[in-house]
């Protein structure tokens, strides 16, 4: 591979690598607007001009490839710096000074580069600025608004709809100084990936209707997480303020979602604000649900699932929203009380396709972790009752006790007919974050943390194991499901009392062949591809 020296730093890169990417490998940031690693190169903004030894003129780094050994590039020489300053002056000539009311403020490329490469005054008369007086707050579609006065005409959004989503809604109209972005007549920007144009817009020209004026970005705490909208397992940055989730943004992972995520995934956190929340343990006394302490609620539940009865067995119904570690402890609880009736229910959702460098990935489940839950042991044993029999055929009526591990496991938790079927069990226990109709008819309801309030792993549609972190703590009377299940297991075997996500994963890796040799601390940031799934000890 050829080597290139960029600002005195030597780097070896594959032939054909453009200079912007080569510089990034050694920590040199060449300023750019129009360039994006997944879009075609147009060399439109001219912000990335650099000096290359042996070439008489400055070159655009985005359209210049490393083709020979020994190239010497200077991105901060006097000539390159002057070119960058001049381009910044041109870009700011017509740009409005509305940073205080712009949603992009705080994460704006134009704002950042104006400080680093611009100048503190303008030589252009304010009254002569070009404006688009009727092109502010223009809806391009249901998720994106356009403010043309802020546009620097980098064409990233146009190229995204042509090359990534392949829907082609956006185009450049008019010519010269009057050129503008817009949609073709009768074709609004309404594809499943439409909000990605907001992510890649380097200025505040495109804003999200979902996030617009919701919060200033510098007040947001940002944590890496995994989207729960389907089984693609898009890597996201979860952004919240004091426990109130404000938005999901895609986090780069070339093996899963690359730089993108769908609009459905961005909306999934809104359930936490609209669905009533289970905030304290509840016990049914004299036919009425009343608040209870944790110890009392767990004692009642433990006695119900442990006691052997002639009128039926105990069944365990899991969820695709459980982490792999939670599913493992749930299956372990079923094993220790000798119940073969353990299963997981996941709604089928519409196919959700996300482009990536491997040709794309498509999810079909409406939950992120069916494969992880089954891998962890949530599969019926011989003669065990499965989830379909419980929900569809009314098999819960034969259960002495039914323990549902997620009060929001799917549409069935809100369907009166299915809730009535599950209520047919002699004893019904429900754990989860949502105070759903199912939780409201339970004999014991246990408040559990949302995925933002706990940590764990999910296994996606391609069999990739990925970790997610806790973004903020749960409310005071709410506990992560791992702690709840560990508390129950410790009543049978004290060794389970102190387990948490990390220790549970390490214990699970000793028992599940597909995870053998893995450790929680060694799971890579981008996840790890597991061997072809194999059902452990089940049908």
Protein backbone atom coordinates (compact mmCIF):
# COMPACT_ATOMS: atom_id res chain seq x y z
CA UNK A 1 0.00 0.00 0.00
CA UNK A 2 1.26 3.52 -0.77
CA UNK A 3 2.31 5.85 2.02
CA UNK A 4 1.45 9.53 2.20
CA UNK A 5 2.66 12.30 4.50
CA UNK A 6 -0.10 14.65 5.66
CA UNK A 7 0.91 17.65 7.74
CA UNK A 8 4.08 15.83 8.76
CA UNK A 9 2.30 12.58 9.70
CA UNK A 10 3.04 9.41 7.76
CA UNK A 11 0.17 7.04 6.99
CA UNK A 12 -0.17 3.92 4.85
CA UNK A 13 -3.50 3.57 3.05
CA UNK A 14 -4.95 1.46 0.23
CA UNK A 15 -4.44 2.90 -3.24
CA UNK A 16 -7.43 5.01 -4.25
CA UNK A 17 -8.17 6.36 -0.76
CA UNK A 18 -9.12 10.02 -0.98
CA UNK A 19 -7.11 12.50 1.06
CA UNK A 20 -9.95 13.43 3.44
CA UNK A 21 -10.20 9.82 4.64
CA UNK A 22 -6.43 9.32 4.65
CA UNK A 23 -5.95 12.42 6.80
CA UNK A 24 -8.62 11.27 9.27
CA UNK A 25 -6.60 8.09 9.91
CA UNK A 26 -3.78 10.14 11.45
CA UNK A 27 -6.01 12.64 13.26
CA UNK A 28 -5.84 15.44 10.70
CA UNK A 29 -9.23 17.00 9.97
CA UNK A 30 -9.41 18.49 6.51
CA UNK A 31 -12.47 20.78 6.52
CA UNK A 32 -15.23 19.75 4.11
CA UNK A 33 -18.97 20.12 3.55
CA UNK A 34 -20.04 18.33 0.39
CA UNK A 35 -17.96 15.19 0.94
CA UNK A 36 -19.49 12.19 2.70
CA UNK A 37 -17.88 8.72 2.77
CA UNK A 38 -20.99 7.02 1.35
CA UNK A 39 -21.94 9.59 -1.28
CA UNK A 40 -20.44 10.30 -4.69
CA UNK A 41 -17.69 12.91 -4.86
CA UNK A 42 -18.73 16.20 -6.43
CA UNK A 43 -16.03 18.61 -5.22
CA UNK A 44 -18.71 21.25 -4.84
CA UNK A 45 -17.95 23.21 -1.69
CA UNK A 46 -14.16 23.62 -2.34
CA UNK A 47 -13.57 23.82 1.41
CA UNK A 48 -11.06 20.95 1.41
CA UNK A 49 -8.37 22.63 -0.70
CA UNK A 50 -4.88 21.37 0.17
CA UNK A 51 -1.34 21.85 -1.09
CA UNK A 52 0.30 18.78 -2.64
CA UNK A 53 4.03 18.74 -3.23
CA UNK A 54 4.80 18.68 -6.94
CA UNK A 55 1.45 20.11 -8.06
CA UNK A 56 1.37 23.76 -9.17
CA UNK A 57 -2.11 24.52 -7.81
CA UNK A 58 -4.17 23.68 -4.76
CA UNK A 59 -6.26 20.50 -5.05
CA UNK A 60 -9.61 19.44 -3.59
CA UNK A 61 -8.75 16.70 -1.10
CA UNK A 62 -12.10 14.91 -1.51
CA UNK A 63 -11.52 14.28 -5.21
CA UNK A 64 -7.78 13.56 -4.95
CA UNK A 65 -6.77 9.95 -4.32
CA UNK A 66 -3.57 8.48 -2.96
CA UNK A 67 -2.23 6.77 -6.05
CA UNK A 68 1.52 6.71 -5.54
CA UNK A 69 3.99 6.25 -2.76
CA UNK A 70 5.55 9.30 -1.13
CA UNK A 71 2.85 11.95 -1.63
CA UNK A 72 3.31 14.97 0.65
CA UNK A 73 0.14 16.90 1.53
CA UNK A 74 -0.22 20.10 3.54
CA UNK A 75 -3.71 21.02 4.72
CA UNK A 76 -2.66 23.96 6.91
CA UNK A 77 0.03 25.65 4.83
CA UNK A 78 -0.37 29.42 4.27
CA UNK A 79 -1.81 28.85 0.79
CA UNK A 80 -4.28 26.15 1.91
CA UNK A 81 -5.33 28.16 4.97
CA UNK A 82 -5.96 31.25 2.87
CA UNK A 83 -8.09 29.23 0.43
CA UNK A 84 -10.15 27.80 3.27
CA UNK A 85 -10.62 31.27 4.75
CA UNK A 86 -11.75 32.64 1.39
CA UNK A 87 -14.26 29.81 0.88
CA UNK A 88 -15.67 30.44 4.36
CA UNK A 89 -16.11 34.10 3.50
CA UNK A 90 -18.00 33.18 0.32
CA UNK A 91 -20.23 30.70 2.17
CA UNK A 92 -21.11 33.26 4.84
CA UNK A 93 -21.84 36.13 2.46
CA UNK A 94 -25.53 35.24 2.18
CA UNK A 95 -25.93 33.13 5.28
CA UNK A 96 -28.35 34.52 7.89
CA UNK A 97 -27.04 35.34 11.36
CA UNK A 98 -29.73 33.30 13.09
CA UNK A 99 -27.64 30.88 15.17
CA UNK A 100 -29.61 31.79 18.35
CA UNK A 101 -32.84 30.39 16.85
CA UNK A 102 -31.35 27.63 14.66
CA UNK A 103 -31.78 24.00 15.75
CA UNK A 104 -28.36 23.18 14.31
CA UNK A 105 -26.52 25.56 16.66
CA UNK A 106 -24.02 23.65 18.73
CA UNK A 107 -23.49 20.91 16.12
CA UNK A 108 -23.20 22.99 12.96
CA UNK A 109 -20.29 22.51 10.58
CA UNK A 110 -20.61 26.07 9.29
CA UNK A 111 -20.52 27.41 12.83
CA UNK A 112 -17.49 25.30 13.76
CA UNK A 113 -15.47 26.07 10.65
CA UNK A 114 -16.28 29.78 10.83
CA UNK A 115 -14.48 29.87 14.17
CA UNK A 116 -11.56 27.74 12.98
CA UNK A 117 -11.10 28.88 9.39
CA UNK A 118 -13.13 32.08 9.03
CA UNK A 119 -12.73 35.70 10.07
CA UNK A 120 -14.55 37.76 12.66
CA UNK A 121 -16.01 40.37 10.29
CA UNK A 122 -17.83 40.49 6.98
CA UNK A 123 -16.96 42.75 4.06
CA UNK A 124 -20.40 42.27 2.51
CA UNK A 125 -23.22 44.77 2.97
CA UNK A 126 -26.15 43.24 4.86
CA UNK A 127 -28.83 44.82 2.68
CA UNK A 128 -27.35 43.22 -0.46
CA UNK A 129 -27.65 39.63 0.76
CA UNK A 130 -29.51 37.12 -1.38
CA UNK A 131 -32.56 35.77 0.42
CA UNK A 132 -35.35 33.29 -0.19
CA UNK A 133 -38.20 35.14 1.54
CA UNK A 134 -40.80 32.46 0.81
CA UNK A 135 -38.55 29.47 1.43
CA UNK A 136 -38.44 29.29 5.21
CA UNK A 137 -40.02 26.45 7.21
CA UNK A 138 -41.07 24.65 4.03
CA UNK A 139 -42.19 21.03 4.66
CA UNK A 140 -40.42 18.76 2.21
CA UNK A 141 -42.37 15.84 3.67
CA UNK A 142 -43.80 14.70 7.00
CA UNK A 143 -40.41 14.52 8.77
CA UNK A 144 -38.22 17.28 7.27
CA UNK A 145 -38.49 21.07 7.04
CA UNK A 146 -36.40 23.25 4.70
CA UNK A 147 -35.01 26.70 5.42
CA UNK A 148 -33.42 27.63 2.10
CA UNK A 149 -31.74 30.76 3.46
CA UNK A 150 -29.35 28.52 5.41
CA UNK A 151 -28.52 26.13 2.57
CA UNK A 152 -24.91 26.14 1.30
CA UNK A 153 -25.80 23.94 -1.70
CA UNK A 154 -23.53 21.03 -0.81
CA UNK A 155 -26.09 18.65 -2.42
CA UNK A 156 -25.59 15.94 0.22
CA UNK A 157 -29.35 15.58 0.61
CA UNK A 158 -29.92 15.32 -3.14
CA UNK A 159 -27.25 12.67 -3.52
CA UNK A 160 -28.61 10.74 -0.52
CA UNK A 161 -32.06 10.35 -2.09
CA UNK A 162 -30.50 9.37 -5.41
CA UNK A 163 -27.78 7.00 -4.18
CA UNK A 164 -28.77 5.64 -0.75
CA UNK A 165 -32.54 5.66 -0.39
CA UNK A 166 -32.82 5.48 -4.21
CA UNK A 167 -36.11 7.36 -4.12
CA UNK A 168 -34.95 10.56 -5.84
CA UNK A 169 -37.40 13.01 -4.28
CA UNK A 170 -34.95 15.93 -3.99
CA UNK A 171 -33.34 17.98 -6.74
CA UNK A 172 -31.55 21.25 -7.52
CA UNK A 173 -33.77 23.86 -9.17
CA UNK A 174 -33.00 27.21 -10.82
CA UNK A 175 -29.40 28.22 -11.66
CA UNK A 176 -26.50 30.28 -10.40
CA UNK A 177 -27.12 32.38 -7.30
CA UNK A 178 -30.80 31.42 -7.31
CA UNK A 179 -30.25 27.66 -7.20
CA UNK A 180 -32.32 25.96 -4.52
CA UNK A 181 -33.19 22.54 -3.10
CA UNK A 182 -36.71 21.24 -3.52
CA UNK A 183 -38.93 18.26 -4.20
CA UNK A 184 -40.34 17.25 -7.54
CA UNK A 185 -44.04 18.04 -8.01
CA UNK A 186 -46.27 15.45 -6.39
CA UNK A 187 -43.32 13.63 -4.81
CA UNK A 188 -42.76 14.69 -1.19
CA UNK A 189 -39.74 13.51 0.79
CA UNK A 190 -41.47 10.54 2.40
CA UNK A 191 -39.20 7.50 2.21
CA UNK A 192 -38.42 5.29 5.25
CA UNK A 193 -34.96 6.88 5.63
CA UNK A 194 -35.99 10.48 5.02
CA UNK A 195 -34.70 11.98 8.29
CA UNK A 196 -31.16 10.86 7.38
CA UNK A 197 -30.93 13.98 5.20
CA UNK A 198 -31.14 16.01 8.43
CA UNK A 199 -28.24 14.02 9.89
CA UNK A 200 -25.98 14.65 6.91
CA UNK A 201 -26.94 18.30 6.34
CA UNK A 202 -23.86 20.21 7.57
CA UNK A 203 -25.87 23.35 8.38
CA UNK A 204 -29.37 24.14 9.64
CA UNK A 205 -31.10 24.08 6.26
CA UNK A 206 -32.87 20.78 6.95
CA UNK A 207 -34.41 20.18 10.36
CA UNK A 208 -36.41 17.32 11.83
CA UNK A 209 -40.09 17.90 12.58
CA UNK A 210 -39.71 15.35 15.38
CA UNK A 211 -36.86 17.21 17.15
CA UNK A 212 -37.39 20.80 16.00
CA UNK A 213 -37.23 23.25 18.94
CA UNK A 214 -37.30 20.37 21.42
CA UNK A 215 -33.97 21.01 23.15
CA UNK A 216 -30.66 22.78 22.78
CA UNK A 217 -28.08 20.14 21.89
CA UNK A 218 -25.53 21.28 24.47
CA UNK A 219 -27.96 20.31 27.24
CA UNK A 220 -28.23 16.73 25.98
CA UNK A 221 -26.41 13.77 27.50
CA UNK A 222 -25.43 11.27 24.80
CA UNK A 223 -24.96 7.54 25.28
CA UNK A 224 -24.34 4.69 22.81
CA UNK A 225 -27.30 2.34 22.54
CA UNK A 226 -29.23 0.01 20.22
CA UNK A 227 -32.54 0.79 18.51
CA UNK A 228 -35.40 -1.47 19.64
CA UNK A 229 -37.71 -0.82 16.68
CA UNK A 230 -36.89 -4.10 14.90
CA UNK A 231 -34.28 -6.85 14.74
CA UNK A 232 -31.81 -4.97 12.52
CA UNK A 233 -30.19 -3.64 15.70
CA UNK A 234 -29.23 -0.20 14.42
CA UNK A 235 -26.47 1.39 16.47
CA UNK A 236 -27.72 4.70 17.85
CA UNK A 237 -26.77 7.56 20.08
CA UNK A 238 -29.49 8.02 22.68
CA UNK A 239 -29.75 11.70 23.59
CA UNK A 240 -31.64 12.71 26.71
CA UNK A 241 -31.96 15.45 29.28
CA UNK A 242 -32.38 14.32 32.87
CA UNK A 243 -33.95 11.04 31.79
CA UNK A 244 -36.29 12.47 29.15
CA UNK A 245 -35.28 11.04 25.77
CA UNK A 246 -35.20 13.73 23.11
CA UNK A 247 -33.98 11.89 20.03
CA UNK A 248 -32.19 8.89 18.56
CA UNK A 249 -29.43 9.47 16.02
CA UNK A 250 -27.65 6.79 13.99
CA UNK A 251 -24.22 5.73 15.25
CA UNK A 252 -21.71 4.48 12.69
CA UNK A 253 -21.35 0.71 12.36
CA UNK A 254 -20.47 -0.51 8.85
CA UNK A 255 -21.53 -4.09 9.67
CA UNK A 256 -25.07 -3.11 10.66
CA UNK A 257 -26.62 0.26 9.84
CA UNK A 258 -23.56 2.11 8.50
CA UNK A 259 -24.40 5.83 8.92
CA UNK A 260 -28.20 5.45 8.68
CA UNK A 261 -31.38 4.52 10.52
CA UNK A 262 -35.06 4.52 9.57
CA UNK A 263 -37.72 7.01 10.63
CA UNK A 264 -39.65 4.30 12.48
CA UNK A 265 -36.67 3.60 14.72
CA UNK A 266 -36.32 7.29 15.54
CA UNK A 267 -39.91 7.37 16.79
CA UNK A 268 -39.78 4.33 19.09
CA UNK A 269 -38.70 6.26 22.20
CA UNK A 270 -41.91 8.31 22.05
CA UNK A 271 -43.78 5.36 23.61
CA UNK A 272 -42.05 6.07 26.90
CA UNK A 273 -43.77 9.46 27.05
CA UNK A 274 -47.22 8.37 25.84
CA UNK A 275 -47.80 4.92 27.40
CA UNK A 276 -48.64 4.98 31.14
CA UNK A 277 -45.74 3.72 33.23
CA UNK A 278 -45.70 1.11 35.97
CA UNK A 279 -43.90 2.91 38.78
CA UNK A 280 -44.25 0.70 41.88
CA UNK A 281 -44.91 -3.00 42.69
CA UNK A 282 -48.58 -3.95 42.94
CA UNK A 283 -50.37 -6.90 44.54
CA UNK A 284 -53.96 -7.98 44.09
CA UNK A 285 -55.72 -8.12 47.45
CA UNK A 286 -59.43 -8.87 47.71
CA UNK A 287 -59.77 -8.50 43.96
CA UNK A 288 -58.12 -5.06 43.84
CA UNK A 289 -54.58 -4.10 42.81
CA UNK A 290 -52.79 -2.14 45.51
CA UNK A 291 -49.28 -0.80 45.98
CA UNK A 292 -46.83 -3.11 47.67
CA UNK A 293 -43.22 -3.27 48.77
CA UNK A 294 -40.70 -5.18 46.67
CA UNK A 295 -40.09 -7.91 49.24
CA UNK A 296 -43.74 -8.71 49.70
CA UNK A 297 -44.44 -8.75 45.96
CA UNK A 298 -41.47 -11.02 45.22
CA UNK A 299 -42.36 -13.34 48.11
CA UNK A 300 -45.87 -13.81 46.73
CA UNK A 301 -44.56 -14.36 43.21
CA UNK A 302 -41.91 -16.83 44.35
CA UNK A 303 -44.41 -18.91 46.28
CA UNK A 304 -46.76 -18.97 43.31
CA UNK A 305 -44.18 -20.19 40.79
CA UNK A 306 -42.41 -22.56 43.19
CA UNK A 307 -45.44 -24.39 44.62
CA UNK A 308 -46.31 -27.57 42.77
CA UNK A 309 -50.03 -27.83 42.15
CA UNK A 310 -52.33 -30.51 40.83
CA UNK A 311 -54.28 -27.96 38.81
CA UNK A 312 -51.49 -27.11 36.39
CA UNK A 313 -47.86 -26.05 35.96
CA UNK A 314 -46.07 -22.71 35.85
CA UNK A 315 -45.48 -21.15 32.41
CA UNK A 316 -42.95 -18.48 31.51
CA UNK A 317 -43.67 -16.10 28.62
CA UNK A 318 -40.68 -14.04 27.48
CA UNK A 319 -40.28 -11.15 25.08
CA UNK A 320 -38.06 -10.04 22.22
CA UNK A 321 -37.46 -6.84 24.18
CA UNK A 322 -35.61 -8.68 26.95
CA UNK A 323 -31.84 -8.48 26.82
CA UNK A 324 -30.03 -11.75 26.26
CA UNK A 325 -28.94 -11.72 29.91
CA UNK A 326 -32.49 -11.14 31.18
CA UNK A 327 -33.76 -13.96 28.97
CA UNK A 328 -31.06 -16.26 30.35
CA UNK A 329 -32.07 -15.57 33.96
CA UNK A 330 -35.76 -15.94 33.06
CA UNK A 331 -35.04 -19.33 31.46
CA UNK A 332 -32.87 -20.28 34.44
CA UNK A 333 -35.79 -19.50 36.76
CA UNK A 334 -38.02 -21.81 34.71
CA UNK A 335 -35.35 -24.48 34.86
CA UNK A 336 -34.94 -24.26 38.63
CA UNK A 337 -38.68 -24.60 39.22
CA UNK A 338 -38.68 -27.49 36.71
CA UNK A 339 -41.07 -25.93 34.20
CA UNK A 340 -40.83 -26.95 30.52
CA UNK A 341 -43.22 -24.15 29.57
CA UNK A 342 -40.91 -21.35 28.48
CA UNK A 343 -41.18 -19.36 25.27
CA UNK A 344 -40.83 -15.94 23.68
CA UNK A 345 -43.40 -13.96 21.72
CA UNK A 346 -42.45 -11.40 19.07
CA UNK A 347 -44.80 -9.55 16.74
CA UNK A 348 -44.03 -9.72 13.04
CA UNK A 349 -43.44 -6.24 11.73
CA UNK A 350 -43.15 -4.78 8.23
CA UNK A 351 -39.77 -5.36 6.62
CA UNK A 352 -37.36 -2.56 7.50
CA UNK A 353 -34.34 -2.33 5.19
CA UNK A 354 -31.21 -0.39 6.11
CA UNK A 355 -28.41 0.12 3.53
CA UNK A 356 -24.85 -0.76 4.48
CA UNK A 357 -21.55 -1.59 2.81
CA UNK A 358 -22.43 -5.30 2.73
CA UNK A 359 -25.51 -4.74 0.58
CA UNK A 360 -28.00 -3.91 3.30
CA UNK A 361 -29.77 -5.57 6.20
CA UNK A 362 -33.51 -6.17 6.61
CA UNK A 363 -35.41 -6.76 9.82
CA UNK A 364 -38.78 -8.51 10.04
CA UNK A 365 -39.44 -8.74 13.79
CA UNK A 366 -41.02 -5.87 15.71
CA UNK A 367 -38.55 -6.43 18.58
CA UNK A 368 -34.74 -6.42 18.71
CA UNK A 369 -33.81 -9.68 20.44
CA UNK A 370 -35.87 -12.75 19.61
CA UNK A 371 -32.71 -14.60 18.56
CA UNK A 372 -30.88 -13.65 21.72
CA UNK A 373 -33.79 -14.73 23.91
CA UNK A 374 -34.02 -18.10 22.18
CA UNK A 375 -30.26 -18.52 22.30
CA UNK A 376 -30.40 -17.90 26.05
CA UNK A 377 -32.88 -20.73 26.53
CA UNK A 378 -36.40 -19.32 26.08
CA UNK A 379 -37.63 -22.25 24.05
CA UNK A 380 -40.21 -24.86 25.10
CA UNK A 381 -38.77 -28.10 26.43
CA UNK A 382 -40.37 -31.44 25.46
CA UNK A 383 -44.12 -31.29 26.19
CA UNK A 384 -43.78 -27.57 26.98
CA UNK A 385 -46.44 -25.01 26.10
CA UNK A 386 -45.25 -22.45 23.56
CA UNK A 387 -46.18 -18.76 23.23
CA UNK A 388 -48.66 -19.31 20.40
CA UNK A 389 -50.61 -21.82 22.45
CA UNK A 390 -50.70 -19.40 25.40
CA UNK A 391 -51.80 -16.36 23.39
CA UNK A 392 -53.80 -17.76 20.50
CA UNK A 393 -55.22 -21.05 21.74
CA UNK A 394 -55.92 -20.02 25.33
CA UNK A 395 -53.47 -22.49 26.86
CA UNK A 396 -52.95 -20.23 29.88
CA UNK A 397 -56.20 -21.56 31.38
CA UNK A 398 -54.35 -24.78 32.20
CA UNK A 399 -51.56 -22.92 34.01
CA UNK A 400 -51.43 -22.79 37.78
CA UNK A 401 -49.22 -19.70 37.35
CA UNK A 402 -48.12 -17.61 34.36
CA UNK A 403 -45.15 -15.25 34.58
CA UNK A 404 -45.00 -12.72 31.71
CA UNK A 405 -41.59 -11.04 31.55
CA UNK A 406 -42.64 -7.93 29.65
CA UNK A 407 -45.84 -5.93 30.07
CA UNK A 408 -45.22 -4.39 26.63
CA UNK A 409 -44.16 -7.54 24.75
CA UNK A 410 -46.31 -6.71 21.72
CA UNK A 411 -49.74 -5.72 20.46
CA UNK A 412 -51.26 -8.63 22.38
CA UNK A 413 -50.58 -6.89 25.71
CA UNK A 414 -53.17 -4.27 24.64
CA UNK A 415 -55.66 -6.63 22.97
CA UNK A 416 -58.63 -7.22 25.33
CA UNK A 417 -59.28 -10.71 23.97
CA UNK A 418 -55.72 -11.92 24.46
CA UNK A 419 -55.41 -10.20 27.84
CA UNK A 420 -58.53 -12.12 28.89
CA UNK A 421 -56.95 -15.39 27.70
CA UNK A 422 -53.77 -14.77 29.68
CA UNK A 423 -55.83 -13.77 32.69
CA UNK A 424 -57.24 -17.30 32.53
CA UNK A 425 -54.20 -18.53 34.48
CA UNK A 426 -54.89 -19.18 38.16
CA UNK A 427 -52.09 -16.75 39.04
CA UNK A 428 -50.76 -14.07 36.67
CA UNK A 429 -47.52 -12.16 37.28
CA UNK A 430 -46.36 -9.42 34.91
CA UNK A 431 -43.03 -7.58 34.88
CA UNK A 432 -42.30 -4.56 32.69
CA UNK A 433 -42.11 -0.81 32.31
CA UNK A 434 -45.59 -0.21 30.81
CA UNK A 435 -48.80 -0.11 32.82
CA UNK A 436 -50.52 -1.92 29.98
CA UNK A 437 -53.97 -3.59 30.16
CA UNK A 438 -52.10 -6.85 30.81
CA UNK A 439 -50.29 -5.35 33.82
CA UNK A 440 -53.57 -3.99 35.13
CA UNK A 441 -55.19 -7.44 35.39
CA UNK A 442 -52.15 -9.17 36.93
CA UNK A 443 -52.05 -10.59 40.46
CA UNK A 444 -48.50 -9.22 40.81
CA UNK A 445 -47.15 -6.34 38.69
CA UNK A 446 -43.43 -5.56 38.93
CA UNK A 447 -42.05 -2.28 37.50
CA UNK A 448 -38.94 -2.86 35.37
CA UNK A 449 -36.50 -0.51 33.67
CA UNK A 450 -36.74 0.48 30.01
CA UNK A 451 -33.85 -0.39 27.71
CA UNK A 452 -32.50 3.15 28.24
CA UNK A 453 -32.28 2.48 31.98
CA UNK A 454 -30.39 -0.81 31.85
CA UNK A 455 -27.51 -2.50 30.05
CA UNK A 456 -27.22 -5.76 28.21
CA UNK A 457 -26.87 -7.35 24.78
CA UNK A 458 -29.12 -7.97 21.79
CA UNK A 459 -28.61 -10.41 18.90
CA UNK A 460 -29.80 -9.01 15.58
CA UNK A 461 -31.25 -10.59 12.45
CA UNK A 462 -27.75 -11.42 11.15
CA UNK A 463 -26.74 -13.10 14.41
CA UNK A 464 -24.55 -10.21 15.56
CA UNK A 465 -24.25 -9.80 19.32
CA UNK A 466 -24.16 -6.12 20.35
CA UNK A 467 -23.89 -4.40 23.70
CA UNK A 468 -25.90 -1.40 24.86
CA UNK A 469 -25.26 0.78 27.89
CA UNK A 470 -27.47 2.32 30.53
CA UNK A 471 -28.14 5.94 29.59
CA UNK A 472 -29.70 7.08 32.88
CA UNK A 473 -31.00 5.44 36.09
CA UNK A 474 -34.59 4.20 36.41
CA UNK A 475 -37.17 5.84 38.74
CA UNK A 476 -36.81 5.12 42.44
CA UNK A 477 -39.29 2.21 42.74
CA UNK A 478 -38.26 0.65 39.42
CA UNK A 479 -35.58 -2.02 39.06
CA UNK A 480 -33.75 -3.51 36.07
CA UNK A 481 -35.22 -6.90 35.16
CA UNK A 482 -31.86 -8.57 35.85
CA UNK A 483 -32.02 -7.46 39.49
CA UNK A 484 -35.63 -8.65 39.84
CA UNK A 485 -34.88 -12.07 38.37
CA UNK A 486 -31.64 -12.39 40.36
CA UNK A 487 -33.60 -11.67 43.55
CA UNK A 488 -36.02 -14.49 42.72
CA UNK A 489 -33.22 -16.90 41.77
CA UNK A 490 -31.32 -16.14 44.99
CA UNK A 491 -34.24 -17.59 46.95
CA UNK A 492 -33.36 -20.95 45.40
CA UNK A 493 -29.58 -20.59 45.09
CA UNK A 494 -27.80 -17.67 46.85
CA UNK A 495 -25.06 -17.52 44.19
CA UNK A 496 -27.45 -15.63 41.90
CA UNK A 497 -28.02 -12.79 44.34
CA UNK A 498 -25.16 -10.56 43.21
CA UNK A 499 -25.28 -11.06 39.44
CA UNK A 500 -25.57 -8.11 37.09
CA UNK A 501 -25.46 -7.82 33.31
CA UNK A 502 -21.70 -8.40 33.03
CA UNK A 503 -21.58 -11.37 35.40
CA UNK A 504 -24.73 -12.86 33.87
CA UNK A 505 -23.22 -12.70 30.39
CA UNK A 506 -20.02 -14.38 31.55
CA UNK A 507 -22.02 -17.16 33.27
CA UNK A 508 -24.20 -17.55 30.18
CA UNK A 509 -21.12 -17.81 27.94
CA UNK A 510 -20.03 -20.86 29.93
CA UNK A 511 -23.31 -22.65 29.18
CA UNK A 512 -24.30 -21.51 25.68
CA UNK A 513 -22.05 -22.95 22.98
CA UNK A 514 -22.52 -20.03 20.57
CA UNK A 515 -21.08 -17.68 23.20
CA UNK A 516 -18.27 -19.89 24.42
CA UNK A 517 -15.00 -18.03 24.85
CA UNK A 518 -16.66 -14.60 24.98
CA UNK A 519 -16.55 -12.25 27.93
CA UNK A 520 -18.60 -9.13 28.60
CA UNK A 521 -15.51 -6.92 28.81
CA UNK A 522 -14.25 -8.12 25.42
CA UNK A 523 -17.37 -7.53 23.30
CA UNK A 524 -16.20 -5.11 20.55
CA UNK A 525 -17.89 -1.73 20.14
CA UNK A 526 -19.35 -2.84 16.81
CA UNK A 527 -20.52 -6.19 18.12
CA UNK A 528 -19.42 -9.68 17.15
CA UNK A 529 -20.89 -12.13 14.64
CA UNK A 530 -21.96 -15.33 16.38
CA UNK A 531 -21.79 -18.81 14.81
CA UNK A 532 -24.89 -20.00 13.01
CA UNK A 533 -27.64 -20.15 15.64
CA UNK A 534 -28.28 -23.47 17.30
CA UNK A 535 -31.10 -24.14 19.69
CA UNK A 536 -29.84 -25.10 23.10
CA UNK A 537 -31.53 -28.09 24.71
CA UNK A 538 -34.94 -27.48 23.15
CA UNK A 539 -37.17 -28.51 20.34
